[in-house]
Amino acid sequence: MKKSIVLFLIFFLIISTPLVKNSTKDIDYEIYLIEENLLFLNKRFNDSKLEFDYLSSSEKLLEYQKLYFENLLKKKSIKEMKIMNISQGKIFISDLSILKKDE
């Protein structure tokens, strides 16, 4: 009787080992996929956060101007702005014209 119980336990262990290994292999693969998705989403989040931080408002841009450029940047009116076109090695400068939608 004892021999049959021992044989049954050994047989059960031999059968259960590959089942456990396969299930842990599947779980490891799922964990890997989730980690890869998290890395991708973290990168997208960081890019979006960076874009939001720098382009969220004009007040924020003015704050960055004071912080990093001090008095190096100056205000210009739209009338002072020019357009520079380079074609065939020649530089053309023209006035900036902004058209309204109804014109």
C-alpha atoms as a PDB file:
ATOM      1  CA  MET A   1       0.000   0.000   0.000  1.00  0.00           C
ATOM      2  CA  LYS A   2       2.795   2.404   0.909  1.00  0.00           C
ATOM      3  CA  LYS A   3       4.571   1.652  -2.366  1.00  0.00           C
ATOM      4  CA  SER A   4       1.479   2.509  -4.378  1.00  0.00           C
ATOM      5  CA  ILE A   5       1.031   5.824  -2.548  1.00  0.00           C
ATOM      6  CA  VAL A   6       4.686   6.748  -3.123  1.00  0.00           C
ATOM      7  CA  LEU A   7       4.407   5.768  -6.801  1.00  0.00           C
ATOM      8  CA  PHE A   8       1.229   7.809  -7.144  1.00  0.00           C
ATOM      9  CA  LEU A   9       2.904  10.858  -5.557  1.00  0.00           C
ATOM     10  CA  ILE A  10       5.950  10.552  -7.820  1.00  0.00           C
ATOM     11  CA  PHE A  11       3.725  10.165 -10.876  1.00  0.00           C
ATOM     12  CA  PHE A  12       1.620  13.157  -9.779  1.00  0.00           C
ATOM     13  CA  LEU A  13       4.749  15.294  -9.300  1.00  0.00           C
ATOM     14  CA  ILE A  14       6.111  14.262 -12.699  1.00  0.00           C
ATOM     15  CA  ILE A  15       2.822  15.259 -14.375  1.00  0.00           C
ATOM     16  CA  SER A  16       2.311  18.487 -12.425  1.00  0.00           C
ATOM     17  CA  THR A  17       5.832  19.886 -13.013  1.00  0.00           C
ATOM     18  CA  PRO A  18       5.410  20.617 -16.778  1.00  0.00           C
ATOM     19  CA  LEU A  19       1.962  22.078 -16.143  1.00  0.00           C
ATOM     20  CA  VAL A  20       3.339  24.492 -13.573  1.00  0.00           C
ATOM     21  CA  LYS A  21       6.289  25.379 -15.807  1.00  0.00           C
ATOM     22  CA  ASN A  22       4.001  26.134 -18.754  1.00  0.00           C
ATOM     23  CA  SER A  23       1.689  28.284 -16.680  1.00  0.00           C
ATOM     24  CA  THR A  24       4.615  30.292 -15.242  1.00  0.00           C
ATOM     25  CA  LYS A  25       6.028  30.704 -18.750  1.00  0.00           C
ATOM     26  CA  ASP A  26       2.689  32.147 -19.918  1.00  0.00           C
ATOM     27  CA  ILE A  27       2.535  34.458 -16.908  1.00  0.00           C
ATOM     28  CA  ASP A  28       6.123  35.644 -17.562  1.00  0.00           C
ATOM     29  CA  TYR A  29       5.221  36.429 -21.172  1.00  0.00           C
ATOM     30  CA  GLU A  30       2.158  38.419 -20.082  1.00  0.00           C
ATOM     31  CA  ILE A  31       4.294  40.354 -17.581  1.00  0.00           C
ATOM     32  CA  TYR A  32       6.799  41.119 -20.338  1.00  0.00           C
ATOM     33  CA  LEU A  33       4.047  42.458 -22.614  1.00  0.00           C
ATOM     34  CA  ILE A  34       2.624  44.630 -19.865  1.00  0.00           C
ATOM     35  CA  GLU A  35       6.086  46.045 -19.043  1.00  0.00           C
ATOM     36  CA  GLU A  36       6.681  46.875 -22.719  1.00  0.00           C
ATOM     37  CA  ASN A  37       3.313  48.641 -22.901  1.00  0.00           C
ATOM     38  CA  LEU A  38       4.147  50.583 -19.754  1.00  0.00           C
ATOM     39  CA  LEU A  39       7.490  51.714 -21.176  1.00  0.00           C
ATOM     40  CA  PHE A  40       5.790  52.910 -24.369  1.00  0.00           C
ATOM     41  CA  LEU A  41       3.023  54.691 -22.469  1.00  0.00           C
ATOM     42  CA  ASN A  42       5.529  56.306 -20.081  1.00  0.00           C
ATOM     43  CA  LYS A  43       7.460  57.666 -23.049  1.00  0.00           C
ATOM     44  CA  ARG A  44       4.278  59.087 -24.606  1.00  0.00           C
ATOM     45  CA  PHE A  45       3.267  60.550 -21.246  1.00  0.00           C
ATOM     46  CA  ASN A  46       6.652  62.232 -20.791  1.00  0.00           C
ATOM     47  CA  ASP A  47       6.497  63.675 -24.321  1.00  0.00           C
ATOM     48  CA  SER A  48       2.984  64.987 -23.751  1.00  0.00           C
ATOM     49  CA  LYS A  49       3.930  66.398 -20.362  1.00  0.00           C
ATOM     50  CA  LEU A  50       6.934  68.163 -21.856  1.00  0.00           C
ATOM     51  CA  GLU A  51       4.785  69.633 -24.615  1.00  0.00           C
ATOM     52  CA  PHE A  52       2.168  70.753 -22.106  1.00  0.00           C
ATOM     53  CA  ASP A  53       4.755  72.313 -19.797  1.00  0.00           C
ATOM     54  CA  TYR A  54       6.345  74.361 -22.532  1.00  0.00           C
ATOM     55  CA  LEU A  55       3.289  75.261 -24.571  1.00  0.00           C
ATOM     56  CA  SER A  56       0.538  75.450 -21.973  1.00  0.00           C
ATOM     57  CA  SER A  57       0.130  79.206 -21.751  1.00  0.00           C
ATOM     58  CA  SER A  58       1.646  82.504 -22.731  1.00  0.00           C
ATOM     59  CA  GLU A  59       2.300  83.284 -19.072  1.00  0.00           C
ATOM     60  CA  LYS A  60       4.397  80.146 -18.828  1.00  0.00           C
ATOM     61  CA  LEU A  61       6.333  81.146 -21.939  1.00  0.00           C
ATOM     62  CA  LEU A  62       6.966  84.598 -20.505  1.00  0.00           C
ATOM     63  CA  GLU A  63       8.170  82.999 -17.290  1.00  0.00           C
ATOM     64  CA  TYR A  64      10.613  80.826 -19.260  1.00  0.00           C
ATOM     65  CA  GLN A  65      11.732  83.883 -21.206  1.00  0.00           C
ATOM     66  CA  LYS A  66      12.589  85.716 -17.993  1.00  0.00           C
ATOM     67  CA  LEU A  67      14.201  82.625 -16.524  1.00  0.00           C
ATOM     68  CA  TYR A  68      16.414  81.636 -19.456  1.00  0.00           C
ATOM     69  CA  PHE A  69      16.776  84.624 -21.761  1.00  0.00           C
ATOM     70  CA  GLU A  70      16.492  87.548 -19.346  1.00  0.00           C
ATOM     71  CA  ASN A  71      16.429  90.626 -21.615  1.00  0.00           C
ATOM     72  CA  LEU A  72      17.723  89.021 -24.815  1.00  0.00           C
ATOM     73  CA  LEU A  73      14.277  88.760 -26.411  1.00  0.00           C
ATOM     74  CA  LYS A  74      12.430  91.852 -27.534  1.00  0.00           C
ATOM     75  CA  LYS A  75       8.839  92.416 -28.551  1.00  0.00           C
ATOM     76  CA  LYS A  76       8.179  93.176 -32.199  1.00  0.00           C
ATOM     77  CA  SER A  77       5.021  94.207 -33.906  1.00  0.00           C
ATOM     78  CA  ILE A  78       3.623  92.092 -36.700  1.00  0.00           C
ATOM     79  CA  LYS A  79       4.287  94.925 -39.141  1.00  0.00           C
ATOM     80  CA  GLU A  80       8.029  94.617 -38.493  1.00  0.00           C
ATOM     81  CA  MET A  81       8.130  90.920 -39.426  1.00  0.00           C
ATOM     82  CA  LYS A  82       9.439  89.786 -42.805  1.00  0.00           C
ATOM     83  CA  ILE A  83       9.308  86.565 -44.805  1.00  0.00           C
ATOM     84  CA  MET A  84      12.536  85.118 -46.166  1.00  0.00           C
ATOM     85  CA  ASN A  85      12.301  82.761 -49.145  1.00  0.00           C
ATOM     86  CA  ILE A  86      15.283  80.910 -50.542  1.00  0.00           C
ATOM     87  CA  SER A  87      14.914  79.522 -54.041  1.00  0.00           C
ATOM     88  CA  GLN A  88      17.586  78.549 -56.542  1.00  0.00           C
ATOM     89  CA  GLY A  89      20.296  79.934 -54.288  1.00  0.00           C
ATOM     90  CA  LYS A  90      18.749  83.410 -54.124  1.00  0.00           C
ATOM     91  CA  ILE A  91      17.282  85.012 -51.004  1.00  0.00           C
ATOM     92  CA  PHE A  92      14.042  86.990 -51.298  1.00  0.00           C
ATOM     93  CA  ILE A  93      12.727  89.088 -48.401  1.00  0.00           C
ATOM     94  CA  SER A  94       9.156  90.334 -48.414  1.00  0.00           C
ATOM     95  CA  ASP A  95       6.726  91.852 -45.937  1.00  0.00           C
ATOM     96  CA  LEU A  96       4.484  89.587 -43.914  1.00  0.00           C
ATOM     97  CA  SER A  97       0.863  89.903 -44.915  1.00  0.00           C
ATOM     98  CA  ILE A  98      -1.918  88.393 -42.875  1.00  0.00           C
ATOM     99  CA  LEU A  99      -5.259  88.094 -44.590  1.00  0.00           C
ATOM    100  CA  LYS A 100      -8.548  87.905 -42.788  1.00  0.00           C
ATOM    101  CA  LYS A 101     -10.914  85.085 -43.694  1.00  0.00           C
ATOM    102  CA  ASP A 102     -13.447  87.445 -45.295  1.00  0.00           C
ATOM    103  CA  GLU A 103     -10.868  89.100 -47.586  1.00  0.00           C
END
